[in-house]
Structures are given as structure tokens and as C-alpha cells.
């Protein structure tokens, strides 16, 4: 049997280093920090204090610029629906931009029913809810006995967005803009289709939509309480026949069979 002489300690260390180099490791790391920032030996010998070698911190960074509130100064908001529509399409602080166009609400002030949805449909152009969701809302209004000219249809957002951050939008002031919109529209009743809209209107997000009966709106003269019915967004209703039937039964109970 052939025997091999044991490697010397020097050769063992060299072999280990070669192995790590082959593995691509050519630097040593330690958990404890080393004194890289210590003054050099010649500086210490010259009596230069350590603090003189430390980089002086820059002045305090300026605070970040405040995020503009949506809509800007409330004192400059439009005071009638015609001006509001133009402002809704042009005010730069109302949204962060996107490829989809902004779409104005449609209808007249004092409508028998206001239908509020989260946002325009992706294919909307000049008319709000021009696609499948709009067809659903139109069929609902027809079944309710409410003509197009007797309804006011609006969205909480000016344009379609893929994934809106509703909580952030509320913090930026979207809820105040929406309540101002409702105060200008002055509907007899309000149908909210979209649970994400409810906190913008001052409702507790933990509250069941079925428990919501009215929405408080600060009008020009005094606070108004608008009877409110809340349900799922049109997209969800299109996918769920059970939710459509449930909303219809709640509508009949809410209006007590009125036509």
C-alpha cells in the first residue's frame, strides 16, 4: 500500500488559500468593525486631535416639500356643476396623470338619483361609463324607472387607474373634493357602487355597506343628509349574479317600491 507523507502546516495553509481562490473568494470579512476611520499613526504622533480628521456633517437636510392637496385651495374650488366639470378635467392636482383620459360626470344638479362609481372605464372617452359597466348601470336605471336625464352619474377619480391607493388618495384630500362634488350635485338619493369610495364619504371602513343609510354633506347653507345605498363596484356586480340580485332587493326595500 502506497503511503503519502503528511503535508506540512505551511503547505496545508497554502492549499486552503488556493481552494478559496478557486472558489472566487479572495477577500476576508469580519463581523467586528475595524478602525478604518481612526487617524493615521503620523497624525496621532503630531498631536492632531481625532475630531479634526472626521468629515464635518452637512447641514440638516431641508424637509421634503409638502405634497399638494388634491384640488388645491378649497376656497378656490368651483361653486357650480358647470365650472366643476371644467375644473375636474383640467386641475393638475386632482390626479397624477396617466394614459387614460379624464372623463367628466354627466347629469344635472338635483337629480333623482346620483350613481357614484370608483373611476371611469378603460375605454371611456368623452362619455363616462361607455362600456360594459355603463351598460349595467344603464340597465339598473331602466329597471328602477329612472331615465338618463333624471340621474347624475359620476366617478370618484377623474381617469381610469390600474391600482388606485385609496387610503393614500383619501390622505391627499380626495374625500374633501368628492364631498364638495356631492354638495354641488345635491341629489335626492345617492347610490354608491364601490366599497373603496365609502371612507372618502366619511363612512367607517369597518361598517357594512348594508348598514349605511345616509351621507352627511356640508352644503352652502347647512349640512345635508342624503339617503344612501351602497353596494359593490360595477365590475364586481358584472361577475357576481348573486350580488346583483342582493343589491336589487335592497333597492326595493330602500325605495319601498317607489317608481
Protein backbone atom coordinates (compact mmCIF):
# COMPACT_ATOMS: atom_id res chain seq x y z
CA UNK A 1 0.00 0.00 0.00
CA UNK A 2 1.44 3.32 -1.09
CA UNK A 3 1.77 5.88 1.68
CA UNK A 4 1.77 9.64 1.34
CA UNK A 5 3.76 11.81 3.64
CA UNK A 6 1.74 14.27 5.67
CA UNK A 7 1.68 17.83 4.36
CA UNK A 8 3.47 20.41 6.36
CA UNK A 9 1.43 23.12 8.06
CA UNK A 10 2.71 25.65 5.54
CA UNK A 11 1.54 23.55 2.60
CA UNK A 12 -1.85 22.92 4.26
CA UNK A 13 -2.41 26.67 4.63
CA UNK A 14 -1.34 27.31 1.03
CA UNK A 15 -3.66 24.58 -0.24
CA UNK A 16 -6.58 26.04 1.72
CA UNK A 17 -5.93 29.51 0.31
CA UNK A 18 -5.70 28.10 -3.21
CA UNK A 19 -9.01 26.30 -2.72
CA UNK A 20 -10.80 29.53 -1.67
CA UNK A 21 -9.26 31.44 -4.57
CA UNK A 22 -10.57 28.82 -6.99
CA UNK A 23 -14.00 29.29 -5.36
CA UNK A 24 -13.84 33.02 -6.11
CA UNK A 25 -13.28 34.20 -2.53
CA UNK A 26 -10.28 36.50 -2.35
CA UNK A 27 -11.27 38.86 0.48
CA UNK A 28 -11.61 38.32 4.20
CA UNK A 29 -14.64 39.59 6.14
CA UNK A 30 -15.12 40.05 9.86
CA UNK A 31 -18.20 40.60 12.00
CA UNK A 32 -16.49 43.22 14.13
CA UNK A 33 -15.82 46.66 12.59
CA UNK A 34 -12.21 47.66 12.10
CA UNK A 35 -10.78 51.08 12.83
CA UNK A 36 -10.79 52.39 9.29
CA UNK A 37 -11.74 55.88 10.47
CA UNK A 38 -9.02 56.07 13.12
CA UNK A 39 -6.47 58.83 12.46
CA UNK A 40 -3.27 57.67 10.81
CA UNK A 41 -0.32 56.97 13.06
CA UNK A 42 1.61 60.02 11.86
CA UNK A 43 -1.33 62.31 12.65
CA UNK A 44 -1.61 60.90 16.16
CA UNK A 45 2.14 61.37 16.62
CA UNK A 46 1.81 65.01 15.53
CA UNK A 47 -0.80 65.63 18.20
CA UNK A 48 -3.69 66.24 15.77
CA UNK A 49 -6.93 65.52 17.64
CA UNK A 50 -9.08 62.73 16.16
CA UNK A 51 -12.01 65.10 15.69
CA UNK A 52 -10.01 67.15 13.19
CA UNK A 53 -9.89 64.17 10.81
CA UNK A 54 -13.60 63.49 10.83
CA UNK A 55 -15.66 64.72 7.95
CA UNK A 56 -17.93 67.52 9.03
CA UNK A 57 -21.58 66.59 8.62
CA UNK A 58 -23.54 68.56 6.14
CA UNK A 59 -26.23 70.82 7.45
CA UNK A 60 -29.62 69.34 8.24
CA UNK A 61 -31.34 68.29 5.06
CA UNK A 62 -34.27 70.53 4.20
CA UNK A 63 -37.66 68.99 4.94
CA UNK A 64 -39.37 67.44 1.93
CA UNK A 65 -41.73 69.69 0.07
CA UNK A 66 -45.32 69.13 1.17
CA UNK A 67 -47.46 67.09 -1.21
CA UNK A 68 -50.02 69.42 -2.83
CA UNK A 69 -53.52 68.77 -1.59
CA UNK A 70 -55.85 67.44 -4.24
CA UNK A 71 -57.78 70.32 -5.69
CA UNK A 72 -55.51 72.97 -4.20
CA UNK A 73 -57.06 75.74 -2.10
CA UNK A 74 -60.67 74.81 -1.19
CA UNK A 75 -61.52 78.49 -1.23
CA UNK A 76 -60.89 78.46 -4.99
CA UNK A 77 -63.00 75.41 -5.80
CA UNK A 78 -65.83 75.90 -8.33
CA UNK A 79 -69.24 76.64 -6.92
CA UNK A 80 -71.49 75.20 -9.64
CA UNK A 81 -71.53 71.98 -11.63
CA UNK A 82 -70.69 73.55 -14.98
CA UNK A 83 -67.49 75.04 -13.59
CA UNK A 84 -66.79 71.86 -11.65
CA UNK A 85 -66.82 69.76 -14.84
CA UNK A 86 -64.22 72.01 -16.46
CA UNK A 87 -62.13 72.04 -13.29
CA UNK A 88 -62.40 68.24 -12.98
CA UNK A 89 -60.85 67.87 -16.42
CA UNK A 90 -58.09 70.45 -16.00
CA UNK A 91 -57.00 70.88 -12.36
CA UNK A 92 -53.43 69.42 -12.20
CA UNK A 93 -53.56 68.38 -8.54
CA UNK A 94 -56.56 66.10 -8.96
CA UNK A 95 -54.52 63.15 -10.23
CA UNK A 96 -51.01 62.02 -11.02
CA UNK A 97 -51.60 61.63 -14.73
CA UNK A 98 -51.86 58.54 -16.88
CA UNK A 99 -52.58 57.36 -20.39
CA UNK A 100 -56.36 57.21 -19.93
CA UNK A 101 -58.26 60.47 -20.48
CA UNK A 102 -60.08 62.31 -17.76
CA UNK A 103 -63.84 61.98 -18.05
CA UNK A 104 -66.41 64.43 -16.71
CA UNK A 105 -69.54 63.45 -14.77
CA UNK A 106 -72.87 63.62 -16.55
CA UNK A 107 -76.31 64.78 -15.46
CA UNK A 108 -77.90 67.74 -13.76
CA UNK A 109 -77.97 69.10 -10.22
CA UNK A 110 -80.85 67.96 -8.06
CA UNK A 111 -81.12 64.62 -9.86
CA UNK A 112 -83.49 61.99 -8.55
CA UNK A 113 -80.54 59.63 -8.10
CA UNK A 114 -76.77 60.08 -8.17
CA UNK A 115 -74.76 56.98 -9.09
CA UNK A 116 -71.17 57.15 -7.87
CA UNK A 117 -68.59 54.64 -9.16
CA UNK A 118 -64.86 54.36 -8.39
CA UNK A 119 -63.48 55.50 -11.75
CA UNK A 120 -64.13 55.67 -15.48
CA UNK A 121 -63.84 52.51 -17.54
CA UNK A 122 -60.59 51.91 -19.50
CA UNK A 123 -62.32 52.56 -22.82
CA UNK A 124 -64.14 55.75 -21.73
CA UNK A 125 -63.53 58.83 -23.84
CA UNK A 126 -65.93 61.74 -23.81
CA UNK A 127 -68.70 59.83 -22.02
CA UNK A 128 -68.39 58.36 -18.55
CA UNK A 129 -69.19 54.62 -18.31
CA UNK A 130 -69.35 53.92 -22.02
CA UNK A 131 -68.51 50.20 -21.75
CA UNK A 132 -69.90 47.10 -20.06
CA UNK A 133 -70.09 48.71 -16.64
CA UNK A 134 -72.02 51.61 -18.11
CA UNK A 135 -74.43 49.19 -19.77
CA UNK A 136 -75.02 47.57 -16.39
CA UNK A 137 -75.69 50.94 -14.74
CA UNK A 138 -78.00 51.91 -17.59
CA UNK A 139 -79.97 48.68 -17.24
CA UNK A 140 -80.23 49.23 -13.50
CA UNK A 141 -81.58 52.75 -14.01
CA UNK A 142 -84.11 51.47 -16.54
CA UNK A 143 -85.29 48.77 -14.13
CA UNK A 144 -85.54 51.41 -11.40
CA UNK A 145 -87.73 53.54 -13.64
CA UNK A 146 -85.18 56.37 -13.72
CA UNK A 147 -84.43 57.95 -17.08
CA UNK A 148 -80.99 59.08 -18.18
CA UNK A 149 -81.96 62.74 -17.68
CA UNK A 150 -83.12 62.04 -14.13
CA UNK A 151 -79.83 60.52 -12.96
CA UNK A 152 -76.45 62.05 -12.24
CA UNK A 153 -73.53 59.69 -12.93
CA UNK A 154 -70.09 60.45 -11.52
CA UNK A 155 -66.79 58.79 -10.62
CA UNK A 156 -64.60 59.29 -7.57
CA UNK A 157 -61.49 59.55 -9.79
CA UNK A 158 -61.07 61.68 -12.92
CA UNK A 159 -59.49 58.91 -15.00
CA UNK A 160 -59.11 55.13 -15.01
CA UNK A 161 -56.24 53.83 -12.86
CA UNK A 162 -54.94 50.28 -12.71
CA UNK A 163 -54.42 50.01 -8.92
CA UNK A 164 -55.54 53.11 -7.01
CA UNK A 165 -54.18 53.52 -3.48
CA UNK A 166 -57.47 54.63 -1.94
CA UNK A 167 -56.08 55.23 1.52
CA UNK A 168 -53.32 57.47 0.16
CA UNK A 169 -55.81 59.31 -2.06
CA UNK A 170 -58.00 59.97 0.95
CA UNK A 171 -54.99 61.31 2.84
CA UNK A 172 -54.22 63.63 -0.07
CA UNK A 173 -57.69 65.17 0.07
CA UNK A 174 -59.77 63.24 -2.45
CA UNK A 175 -62.56 62.76 0.09
CA UNK A 176 -62.97 66.53 0.58
CA UNK A 177 -63.16 67.04 -3.20
CA UNK A 178 -65.74 64.28 -3.50
CA UNK A 179 -67.93 65.71 -0.74
CA UNK A 180 -67.75 69.13 -2.41
CA UNK A 181 -68.86 67.48 -5.65
CA UNK A 182 -71.84 65.92 -3.89
CA UNK A 183 -72.77 69.25 -2.33
CA UNK A 184 -72.87 70.83 -5.80
CA UNK A 185 -74.86 67.93 -7.29
CA UNK A 186 -77.47 67.92 -4.46
CA UNK A 187 -79.05 64.56 -5.43
CA UNK A 188 -82.24 63.31 -3.81
CA UNK A 189 -80.65 59.90 -3.29
CA UNK A 190 -77.13 58.51 -3.59
CA UNK A 191 -76.19 55.05 -4.90
CA UNK A 192 -72.53 54.27 -4.14
CA UNK A 193 -71.15 51.37 -6.20
CA UNK A 194 -67.75 50.61 -4.73
CA UNK A 195 -66.74 49.91 -1.15
CA UNK A 196 -63.46 51.83 -1.55
CA UNK A 197 -65.47 55.02 -2.01
CA UNK A 198 -67.23 54.82 1.35
CA UNK A 199 -64.32 56.03 3.55
CA UNK A 200 -63.96 59.03 1.23
CA UNK A 201 -67.50 60.00 2.18
CA UNK A 202 -66.78 59.81 5.90
CA UNK A 203 -68.12 56.31 6.50
CA UNK A 204 -66.31 53.87 8.78
CA UNK A 205 -64.43 51.38 6.55
CA UNK A 206 -65.32 48.61 9.01
CA UNK A 207 -69.02 49.36 8.63
CA UNK A 208 -71.07 47.03 6.49
CA UNK A 209 -72.42 48.73 3.33
CA UNK A 210 -75.85 47.40 4.25
CA UNK A 211 -75.73 49.44 7.46
CA UNK A 212 -75.14 52.75 5.66
CA UNK A 213 -78.32 54.77 5.39
CA UNK A 214 -77.24 58.33 4.66
CA UNK A 215 -74.25 60.54 3.86
CA UNK A 216 -73.59 63.88 5.50
CA UNK A 217 -72.66 66.63 3.06
CA UNK A 218 -71.76 70.19 4.00
CA UNK A 219 -73.73 72.37 1.63
CA UNK A 220 -73.54 76.11 1.02
CA UNK A 221 -76.09 76.88 3.74
CA UNK A 222 -76.14 73.89 6.07
CA UNK A 223 -75.33 70.24 6.36
CA UNK A 224 -77.41 67.90 4.22
CA UNK A 225 -78.14 64.26 4.89
CA UNK A 226 -78.52 62.39 1.62
CA UNK A 227 -80.19 58.94 1.74
CA UNK A 228 -77.53 56.46 0.65
CA UNK A 229 -77.46 52.90 -0.65
CA UNK A 230 -74.06 51.23 -1.01
CA UNK A 231 -73.03 48.15 -2.97
CA UNK A 232 -70.14 46.59 -4.83
CA UNK A 233 -68.43 48.27 -7.79
CA UNK A 234 -69.93 47.66 -11.26
CA UNK A 235 -67.08 45.34 -12.25
CA UNK A 236 -67.77 43.10 -9.26
CA UNK A 237 -71.51 43.15 -9.94
CA UNK A 238 -70.94 42.04 -13.52
CA UNK A 239 -69.05 38.99 -12.24
CA UNK A 240 -71.50 38.04 -9.49
CA UNK A 241 -75.19 37.47 -10.21
CA UNK A 242 -75.87 36.91 -6.51
CA UNK A 243 -74.56 40.35 -5.63
CA UNK A 244 -76.68 41.91 -8.38
CA UNK A 245 -79.80 40.21 -7.02
CA UNK A 246 -78.95 41.24 -3.46
CA UNK A 247 -78.45 44.88 -4.48
CA UNK A 248 -81.76 44.84 -6.33
CA UNK A 249 -83.63 43.52 -3.28
CA UNK A 250 -82.01 46.17 -1.13
CA UNK A 251 -83.01 48.83 -3.66
CA UNK A 252 -86.64 47.70 -3.49
CA UNK A 253 -86.55 47.78 0.31
CA UNK A 254 -84.83 51.18 0.23
CA UNK A 255 -87.37 52.78 -2.09
CA UNK A 256 -90.29 50.70 -0.78
CA UNK A 257 -91.45 50.01 -4.32
CA UNK A 258 -91.39 53.66 -5.44
CA UNK A 259 -91.35 54.28 -9.17
